[in-house]
């Protein structure tokens, strides 16, 4: 496990994470955003809007069918698909 140093503004976040959560970072200049462009709310969230739906699928889990939708979100950090 690793303990990370967080700024006082993020003191309400858990500062320990397990090494299994680490992923190799692939450098991309588009990942850099200006801090002034991001409006963080008091509960540490940012406003995003859905741009488009990328896909849909239905998975069967035992006796249930679970629908999932892949959405591309837009916000201050650019597009992000979830």
PDB file of N, CA and C in Angstrom:
ATOM      1  N   UNK A   1       0.843  -1.176   0.000  1.00  0.00           N
ATOM      2  CA  UNK A   1       0.000   0.000   0.000  1.00  0.00           C
ATOM      3  C   UNK A   1       0.888   1.240   0.000  1.00  0.00           C
ATOM      4  N   UNK A   2       0.350   2.311  -0.575  1.00  0.00           N
ATOM      5  CA  UNK A   2       1.056   3.585  -0.638  1.00  0.00           C
ATOM      6  C   UNK A   2       0.201   4.670  -0.004  1.00  0.00           C
ATOM      7  N   UNK A   3       0.853   5.576   0.689  1.00  0.00           N
ATOM      8  CA  UNK A   3       0.188   6.752   1.244  1.00  0.00           C
ATOM      9  C   UNK A   3       0.658   7.942   0.423  1.00  0.00           C
ATOM     10  N   UNK A   4      -0.295   8.702  -0.098  1.00  0.00           N
ATOM     11  CA  UNK A   4       0.062   9.854  -0.915  1.00  0.00           C
ATOM     12  C   UNK A   4      -0.187  11.145  -0.143  1.00  0.00           C
ATOM     13  N   UNK A   5       0.618  12.131  -0.437  1.00  0.00           N
ATOM     14  CA  UNK A   5       0.466  13.440   0.206  1.00  0.00           C
ATOM     15  C   UNK A   5      -0.566  14.237  -0.571  1.00  0.00           C
ATOM     16  N   UNK A   6      -1.655  14.572   0.083  1.00  0.00           N
ATOM     17  CA  UNK A   6      -2.724  15.340  -0.542  1.00  0.00           C
ATOM     18  C   UNK A   6      -2.704  16.772  -0.029  1.00  0.00           C
ATOM     19  N   UNK A   7      -3.107  17.714  -0.866  1.00  0.00           N
ATOM     20  CA  UNK A   7      -3.197  19.095  -0.388  1.00  0.00           C
ATOM     21  C   UNK A   7      -4.339  19.230   0.617  1.00  0.00           C
ATOM     22  N   UNK A   8      -4.315  20.250   1.443  1.00  0.00           N
ATOM     23  CA  UNK A   8      -5.371  20.439   2.450  1.00  0.00           C
ATOM     24  C   UNK A   8      -6.776  20.470   1.854  1.00  0.00           C
ATOM     25  N   UNK A   9      -6.907  20.935   0.615  1.00  0.00           N
ATOM     26  CA  UNK A   9      -8.236  21.005   0.003  1.00  0.00           C
ATOM     27  C   UNK A   9      -8.818  19.622  -0.270  1.00  0.00           C
ATOM     28  N   UNK A  10      -7.973  18.576  -0.249  1.00  0.00           N
ATOM     29  CA  UNK A  10      -8.449  17.208  -0.481  1.00  0.00           C
ATOM     30  C   UNK A  10      -8.310  16.351   0.773  1.00  0.00           C
ATOM     31  N   UNK A  11      -8.284  16.967   1.930  1.00  0.00           N
ATOM     32  CA  UNK A  11      -8.058  16.243   3.178  1.00  0.00           C
ATOM     33  C   UNK A  11      -9.175  15.260   3.519  1.00  0.00           C
ATOM     34  N   UNK A  12     -10.339  15.408   2.901  1.00  0.00           N
ATOM     35  CA  UNK A  12     -11.439  14.482   3.188  1.00  0.00           C
ATOM     36  C   UNK A  12     -11.347  13.201   2.359  1.00  0.00           C
ATOM     37  N   UNK A  13     -10.346  13.066   1.491  1.00  0.00           N
ATOM     38  CA  UNK A  13     -10.162  11.856   0.693  1.00  0.00           C
ATOM     39  C   UNK A  13      -9.226  10.891   1.402  1.00  0.00           C
ATOM     40  N   UNK A  14      -9.440   9.601   1.184  1.00  0.00           N
ATOM     41  CA  UNK A  14      -8.575   8.575   1.749  1.00  0.00           C
ATOM     42  C   UNK A  14      -7.221   8.652   1.056  1.00  0.00           C
ATOM     43  N   UNK A  15      -6.139   8.682   1.808  1.00  0.00           N
ATOM     44  CA  UNK A  15      -4.821   8.907   1.219  1.00  0.00           C
ATOM     45  C   UNK A  15      -3.978   7.642   1.061  1.00  0.00           C
ATOM     46  N   UNK A  16      -4.590   6.466   1.186  1.00  0.00           N
ATOM     47  CA  UNK A  16      -3.865   5.205   1.030  1.00  0.00           C
ATOM     48  C   UNK A  16      -4.516   4.408  -0.092  1.00  0.00           C
ATOM     49  N   UNK A  17      -3.681   3.866  -0.990  1.00  0.00           N
ATOM     50  CA  UNK A  17      -4.208   3.010  -2.042  1.00  0.00           C
ATOM     51  C   UNK A  17      -3.301   1.805  -2.219  1.00  0.00           C
ATOM     52  N   UNK A  18      -3.852   0.729  -2.753  1.00  0.00           N
ATOM     53  CA  UNK A  18      -3.129  -0.521  -2.935  1.00  0.00           C
ATOM     54  C   UNK A  18      -2.418  -0.519  -4.280  1.00  0.00           C
ATOM     55  N   UNK A  19      -1.272  -1.194  -4.343  1.00  0.00           N
ATOM     56  CA  UNK A  19      -0.482  -1.214  -5.579  1.00  0.00           C
ATOM     57  C   UNK A  19      -1.236  -1.853  -6.738  1.00  0.00           C
ATOM     58  N   UNK A  20      -2.226  -2.676  -6.460  1.00  0.00           N
ATOM     59  CA  UNK A  20      -3.001  -3.289  -7.548  1.00  0.00           C
ATOM     60  C   UNK A  20      -3.807  -2.249  -8.316  1.00  0.00           C
ATOM     61  N   UNK A  21      -3.965  -1.057  -7.736  1.00  0.00           N
ATOM     62  CA  UNK A  21      -4.703   0.012  -8.400  1.00  0.00           C
ATOM     63  C   UNK A  21      -3.834   0.817  -9.368  1.00  0.00           C
ATOM     64  N   UNK A  22      -2.536   0.574  -9.367  1.00  0.00           N
ATOM     65  CA  UNK A  22      -1.620   1.322 -10.237  1.00  0.00           C
ATOM     66  C   UNK A  22      -1.719   0.845 -11.678  1.00  0.00           C
ATOM     67  N   UNK A  23      -1.654   1.772 -12.598  1.00  0.00           N
ATOM     68  CA  UNK A  23      -1.638   1.468 -14.031  1.00  0.00           C
ATOM     69  C   UNK A  23      -0.517   2.279 -14.662  1.00  0.00           C
ATOM     70  N   UNK A  24       0.079   1.751 -15.718  1.00  0.00           N
ATOM     71  CA  UNK A  24       1.128   2.475 -16.428  1.00  0.00           C
ATOM     72  C   UNK A  24       0.516   3.702 -17.095  1.00  0.00           C
ATOM     73  N   UNK A  25       1.168   4.833 -16.936  1.00  0.00           N
ATOM     74  CA  UNK A  25       0.690   6.070 -17.541  1.00  0.00           C
ATOM     75  C   UNK A  25       1.316   6.236 -18.909  1.00  0.00           C
ATOM     76  N   UNK A  26       0.480   6.499 -19.898  1.00  0.00           N
ATOM     77  CA  UNK A  26       0.943   6.774 -21.251  1.00  0.00           C
ATOM     78  C   UNK A  26       0.822   8.276 -21.451  1.00  0.00           C
ATOM     79  N   UNK A  27       1.957   8.933 -21.665  1.00  0.00           N
ATOM     80  CA  UNK A  27       1.979  10.391 -21.779  1.00  0.00           C
ATOM     81  C   UNK A  27       1.125  10.872 -22.943  1.00  0.00           C
ATOM     82  N   UNK A  28       0.333  11.893 -22.677  1.00  0.00           N
ATOM     83  CA  UNK A  28      -0.525  12.486 -23.689  1.00  0.00           C
ATOM     84  C   UNK A  28      -0.679  13.967 -23.353  1.00  0.00           C
ATOM     85  N   UNK A  29      -0.211  14.859 -24.232  1.00  0.00           N
ATOM     86  CA  UNK A  29      -0.299  16.292 -23.941  1.00  0.00           C
ATOM     87  C   UNK A  29      -1.724  16.789 -23.710  1.00  0.00           C
ATOM     88  N   UNK A  30      -2.715  16.086 -24.245  1.00  0.00           N
ATOM     89  CA  UNK A  30      -4.097  16.529 -24.053  1.00  0.00           C
ATOM     90  C   UNK A  30      -4.579  16.300 -22.622  1.00  0.00           C
ATOM     91  N   UNK A  31      -3.830  15.546 -21.807  1.00  0.00           N
ATOM     92  CA  UNK A  31      -4.219  15.304 -20.419  1.00  0.00           C
ATOM     93  C   UNK A  31      -3.986  16.525 -19.541  1.00  0.00           C
ATOM     94  N   UNK A  32      -3.204  17.473 -20.012  1.00  0.00           N
ATOM     95  CA  UNK A  32      -2.902  18.669 -19.228  1.00  0.00           C
ATOM     96  C   UNK A  32      -4.007  19.691 -19.452  1.00  0.00           C
ATOM     97  N   UNK A  33      -4.634  20.118 -18.361  1.00  0.00           N
ATOM     98  CA  UNK A  33      -5.677  21.136 -18.456  1.00  0.00           C
ATOM     99  C   UNK A  33      -5.315  22.288 -17.529  1.00  0.00           C
ATOM    100  N   UNK A  34      -5.801  23.436 -17.859  1.00  0.00           N
ATOM    101  CA  UNK A  34      -5.570  24.604 -17.020  1.00  0.00           C
ATOM    102  C   UNK A  34      -6.461  24.519 -15.786  1.00  0.00           C
ATOM    103  N   UNK A  35      -5.894  24.757 -14.629  1.00  0.00           N
ATOM    104  CA  UNK A  35      -6.656  24.672 -13.380  1.00  0.00           C
ATOM    105  C   UNK A  35      -7.789  25.690 -13.344  1.00  0.00           C
ATOM    106  N   UNK A  36      -7.616  26.818 -14.011  1.00  0.00           N
ATOM    107  CA  UNK A  36      -8.659  27.842 -14.016  1.00  0.00           C
ATOM    108  C   UNK A  36      -9.900  27.401 -14.776  1.00  0.00           C
ATOM    109  N   UNK A  37      -9.755  26.439 -15.684  1.00  0.00           N
ATOM    110  CA  UNK A  37     -10.878  25.978 -16.492  1.00  0.00           C
ATOM    111  C   UNK A  37     -11.816  25.054 -15.725  1.00  0.00           C
ATOM    112  N   UNK A  38     -11.354  24.460 -14.644  1.00  0.00           N
ATOM    113  CA  UNK A  38     -12.139  23.473 -13.905  1.00  0.00           C
ATOM    114  C   UNK A  38     -12.793  24.139 -12.703  1.00  0.00           C
ATOM    115  N   UNK A  39     -14.112  24.048 -12.631  1.00  0.00           N
ATOM    116  CA  UNK A  39     -14.859  24.583 -11.500  1.00  0.00           C
ATOM    117  C   UNK A  39     -15.244  23.415 -10.594  1.00  0.00           C
ATOM    118  N   UNK A  40     -14.515  23.226  -9.503  1.00  0.00           N
ATOM    119  CA  UNK A  40     -14.767  22.130  -8.572  1.00  0.00           C
ATOM    120  C   UNK A  40     -15.738  22.616  -7.508  1.00  0.00           C
ATOM    121  N   UNK A  41     -16.789  21.827  -7.285  1.00  0.00           N
ATOM    122  CA  UNK A  41     -17.787  22.176  -6.268  1.00  0.00           C
ATOM    123  C   UNK A  41     -17.279  21.821  -4.876  1.00  0.00           C
ATOM    124  N   UNK A  42     -18.019  22.218  -3.866  1.00  0.00           N
ATOM    125  CA  UNK A  42     -17.635  21.937  -2.482  1.00  0.00           C
ATOM    126  C   UNK A  42     -17.539  20.444  -2.197  1.00  0.00           C
ATOM    127  N   UNK A  43     -18.355  19.631  -2.886  1.00  0.00           N
ATOM    128  CA  UNK A  43     -18.322  18.185  -2.665  1.00  0.00           C
ATOM    129  C   UNK A  43     -17.339  17.489  -3.610  1.00  0.00           C
ATOM    130  N   UNK A  44     -16.403  18.259  -4.194  1.00  0.00           N
ATOM    131  CA  UNK A  44     -15.329  17.768  -5.060  1.00  0.00           C
ATOM    132  C   UNK A  44     -15.833  17.105  -6.335  1.00  0.00           C
ATOM    133  N   UNK A  45     -16.921  17.604  -6.906  1.00  0.00           N
ATOM    134  CA  UNK A  45     -17.414  17.117  -8.189  1.00  0.00           C
ATOM    135  C   UNK A  45     -17.302  18.234  -9.218  1.00  0.00           C
ATOM    136  N   UNK A  46     -17.315  17.839 -10.485  1.00  0.00           N
ATOM    137  CA  UNK A  46     -17.318  18.816 -11.573  1.00  0.00           C
ATOM    138  C   UNK A  46     -18.517  18.534 -12.463  1.00  0.00           C
ATOM    139  N   UNK A  47     -18.997  19.562 -13.128  1.00  0.00           N
ATOM    140  CA  UNK A  47     -20.162  19.403 -13.990  1.00  0.00           C
ATOM    141  C   UNK A  47     -19.732  18.862 -15.351  1.00  0.00           C
ATOM    142  N   UNK A  48     -20.398  17.807 -15.791  1.00  0.00           N
ATOM    143  CA  UNK A  48     -20.166  17.240 -17.116  1.00  0.00           C
ATOM    144  C   UNK A  48     -21.508  17.072 -17.810  1.00  0.00           C
ATOM    145  N   UNK A  49     -21.471  16.974 -19.119  1.00  0.00           N
ATOM    146  CA  UNK A  49     -22.695  16.787 -19.894  1.00  0.00           C
ATOM    147  C   UNK A  49     -22.497  15.618 -20.851  1.00  0.00           C
ATOM    148  N   UNK A  50     -23.537  14.809 -21.076  1.00  0.00           N
ATOM    149  CA  UNK A  50     -23.404  13.716 -22.040  1.00  0.00           C
ATOM    150  C   UNK A  50     -23.341  14.276 -23.461  1.00  0.00           C
ATOM    151  N   UNK A  51     -22.353  13.825 -24.237  1.00  0.00           N
ATOM    152  CA  UNK A  51     -22.213  14.288 -25.615  1.00  0.00           C
ATOM    153  C   UNK A  51     -22.901  13.347 -26.598  1.00  0.00           C
ATOM    154  N   UNK A  52     -22.673  12.047 -26.403  1.00  0.00           N
ATOM    155  CA  UNK A  52     -23.288  11.065 -27.303  1.00  0.00           C
ATOM    156  C   UNK A  52     -23.223   9.679 -26.666  1.00  0.00           C
ATOM    157  N   UNK A  53     -24.044   8.790 -27.191  1.00  0.00           N
ATOM    158  CA  UNK A  53     -24.045   7.399 -26.745  1.00  0.00           C
ATOM    159  C   UNK A  53     -23.217   6.596 -27.734  1.00  0.00           C
ATOM    160  N   UNK A  54     -22.191   5.904 -27.237  1.00  0.00           N
ATOM    161  CA  UNK A  54     -21.274   5.135 -28.081  1.00  0.00           C
ATOM    162  C   UNK A  54     -21.788   3.723 -28.349  1.00  0.00           C
ATOM    163  N   UNK A  55     -22.495   3.146 -27.418  1.00  0.00           N
ATOM    164  CA  UNK A  55     -22.954   1.779 -27.615  1.00  0.00           C
ATOM    165  C   UNK A  55     -23.864   1.325 -26.495  1.00  0.00           C
ATOM    166  N   UNK A  56     -24.559   0.242 -26.772  1.00  0.00           N
ATOM    167  CA  UNK A  56     -25.462  -0.357 -25.784  1.00  0.00           C
ATOM    168  C   UNK A  56     -25.271  -1.863 -25.821  1.00  0.00           C
ATOM    169  N   UNK A  57     -25.475  -2.497 -24.675  1.00  0.00           N
ATOM    170  CA  UNK A  57     -25.445  -3.951 -24.639  1.00  0.00           C
ATOM    171  C   UNK A  57     -26.267  -4.445 -23.454  1.00  0.00           C
ATOM    172  N   UNK A  58     -26.727  -5.663 -23.567  1.00  0.00           N
ATOM    173  CA  UNK A  58     -27.480  -6.300 -22.494  1.00  0.00           C
ATOM    174  C   UNK A  58     -26.738  -7.572 -22.129  1.00  0.00           C
ATOM    175  N   UNK A  59     -26.355  -7.691 -20.859  1.00  0.00           N
ATOM    176  CA  UNK A  59     -25.662  -8.879 -20.377  1.00  0.00           C
ATOM    177  C   UNK A  59     -26.620  -9.685 -19.519  1.00  0.00           C
ATOM    178  N   UNK A  60     -26.499 -10.992 -19.613  1.00  0.00           N
ATOM    179  CA  UNK A  60     -27.344 -11.860 -18.804  1.00  0.00           C
ATOM    180  C   UNK A  60     -26.522 -12.371 -17.630  1.00  0.00           C
ATOM    181  N   UNK A  61     -27.020 -12.127 -16.433  1.00  0.00           N
ATOM    182  CA  UNK A  61     -26.368 -12.550 -15.210  1.00  0.00           C
ATOM    183  C   UNK A  61     -27.354 -13.403 -14.434  1.00  0.00           C
ATOM    184  N   UNK A  62     -27.100 -14.685 -14.421  1.00  0.00           N
ATOM    185  CA  UNK A  62     -28.020 -15.663 -13.844  1.00  0.00           C
ATOM    186  C   UNK A  62     -29.388 -15.524 -14.508  1.00  0.00           C
ATOM    187  N   UNK A  63     -30.386 -15.058 -13.764  1.00  0.00           N
ATOM    188  CA  UNK A  63     -31.725 -14.931 -14.342  1.00  0.00           C
ATOM    189  C   UNK A  63     -32.093 -13.489 -14.652  1.00  0.00           C
ATOM    190  N   UNK A  64     -31.114 -12.600 -14.601  1.00  0.00           N
ATOM    191  CA  UNK A  64     -31.402 -11.188 -14.832  1.00  0.00           C
ATOM    192  C   UNK A  64     -30.699 -10.699 -16.084  1.00  0.00           C
ATOM    193  N   UNK A  65     -31.338  -9.758 -16.753  1.00  0.00           N
ATOM    194  CA  UNK A  65     -30.706  -9.082 -17.875  1.00  0.00           C
ATOM    195  C   UNK A  65     -30.334  -7.677 -17.420  1.00  0.00           C
ATOM    196  N   UNK A  66     -29.066  -7.313 -17.636  1.00  0.00           N
ATOM    197  CA  UNK A  66     -28.573  -6.019 -17.189  1.00  0.00           C
ATOM    198  C   UNK A  66     -28.169  -5.202 -18.407  1.00  0.00           C
ATOM    199  N   UNK A  67     -28.837  -4.074 -18.591  1.00  0.00           N
ATOM    200  CA  UNK A  67     -28.541  -3.196 -19.723  1.00  0.00           C
ATOM    201  C   UNK A  67     -27.434  -2.227 -19.325  1.00  0.00           C
ATOM    202  N   UNK A  68     -26.501  -1.998 -20.243  1.00  0.00           N
ATOM    203  CA  UNK A  68     -25.470  -0.987 -20.003  1.00  0.00           C
ATOM    204  C   UNK A  68     -25.325  -0.120 -21.245  1.00  0.00           C
ATOM    205  N   UNK A  69     -24.980   1.127 -21.011  1.00  0.00           N
ATOM    206  CA  UNK A  69     -24.845   2.106 -22.085  1.00  0.00           C
ATOM    207  C   UNK A  69     -23.490   2.778 -21.926  1.00  0.00           C
ATOM    208  N   UNK A  70     -22.725   2.880 -23.019  1.00  0.00           N
ATOM    209  CA  UNK A  70     -21.450   3.593 -22.989  1.00  0.00           C
ATOM    210  C   UNK A  70     -21.701   5.019 -23.452  1.00  0.00           C
ATOM    211  N   UNK A  71     -21.416   5.974 -22.560  1.00  0.00           N
ATOM    212  CA  UNK A  71     -21.693   7.386 -22.819  1.00  0.00           C
ATOM    213  C   UNK A  71     -20.378   8.146 -22.913  1.00  0.00           C
ATOM    214  N   UNK A  72     -20.279   9.045 -23.864  1.00  0.00           N
ATOM    215  CA  UNK A  72     -19.138   9.954 -23.947  1.00  0.00           C
ATOM    216  C   UNK A  72     -19.558  11.251 -23.271  1.00  0.00           C
ATOM    217  N   UNK A  73     -18.811  11.601 -22.218  1.00  0.00           N
ATOM    218  CA  UNK A  73     -19.115  12.784 -21.427  1.00  0.00           C
ATOM    219  C   UNK A  73     -18.190  13.913 -21.835  1.00  0.00           C
ATOM    220  N   UNK A  74     -18.701  15.125 -21.800  1.00  0.00           N
ATOM    221  CA  UNK A  74     -17.883  16.298 -22.092  1.00  0.00           C
ATOM    222  C   UNK A  74     -17.842  17.200 -20.888  1.00  0.00           C
ATOM    223  N   UNK A  75     -16.714  17.811 -20.685  1.00  0.00           N
ATOM    224  CA  UNK A  75     -16.557  18.719 -19.561  1.00  0.00           C
ATOM    225  C   UNK A  75     -15.264  19.471 -19.698  1.00  0.00           C
ATOM    226  N   UNK A  76     -14.815  20.075 -18.609  1.00  0.00           N
ATOM    227  CA  UNK A  76     -13.601  20.888 -18.679  1.00  0.00           C
ATOM    228  C   UNK A  76     -12.354  20.090 -19.024  1.00  0.00           C
ATOM    229  N   UNK A  77     -12.345  18.794 -18.748  1.00  0.00           N
ATOM    230  CA  UNK A  77     -11.164  17.977 -19.036  1.00  0.00           C
ATOM    231  C   UNK A  77     -11.237  17.339 -20.414  1.00  0.00           C
ATOM    232  N   UNK A  78     -12.255  17.644 -21.192  1.00  0.00           N
ATOM    233  CA  UNK A  78     -12.395  17.052 -22.521  1.00  0.00           C
ATOM    234  C   UNK A  78     -13.354  15.889 -22.503  1.00  0.00           C
ATOM    235  N   UNK A  79     -13.275  15.059 -23.541  1.00  0.00           N
ATOM    236  CA  UNK A  79     -14.180  13.921 -23.648  1.00  0.00           C
ATOM    237  C   UNK A  79     -13.671  12.757 -22.819  1.00  0.00           C
ATOM    238  N   UNK A  80     -14.624  12.024 -22.224  1.00  0.00           N
ATOM    239  CA  UNK A  80     -14.299  10.863 -21.416  1.00  0.00           C
ATOM    240  C   UNK A  80     -15.433   9.863 -21.569  1.00  0.00           C
ATOM    241  N   UNK A  81     -15.123   8.635 -21.991  1.00  0.00           N
ATOM    242  CA  UNK A  81     -16.156   7.619 -22.187  1.00  0.00           C
ATOM    243  C   UNK A  81     -16.248   6.717 -20.969  1.00  0.00           C
ATOM    244  N   UNK A  82     -17.501   6.500 -20.500  1.00  0.00           N
ATOM    245  CA  UNK A  82     -17.739   5.557 -19.409  1.00  0.00           C
ATOM    246  C   UNK A  82     -18.955   4.732 -19.729  1.00  0.00           C
TER     247      UNK A  82
END
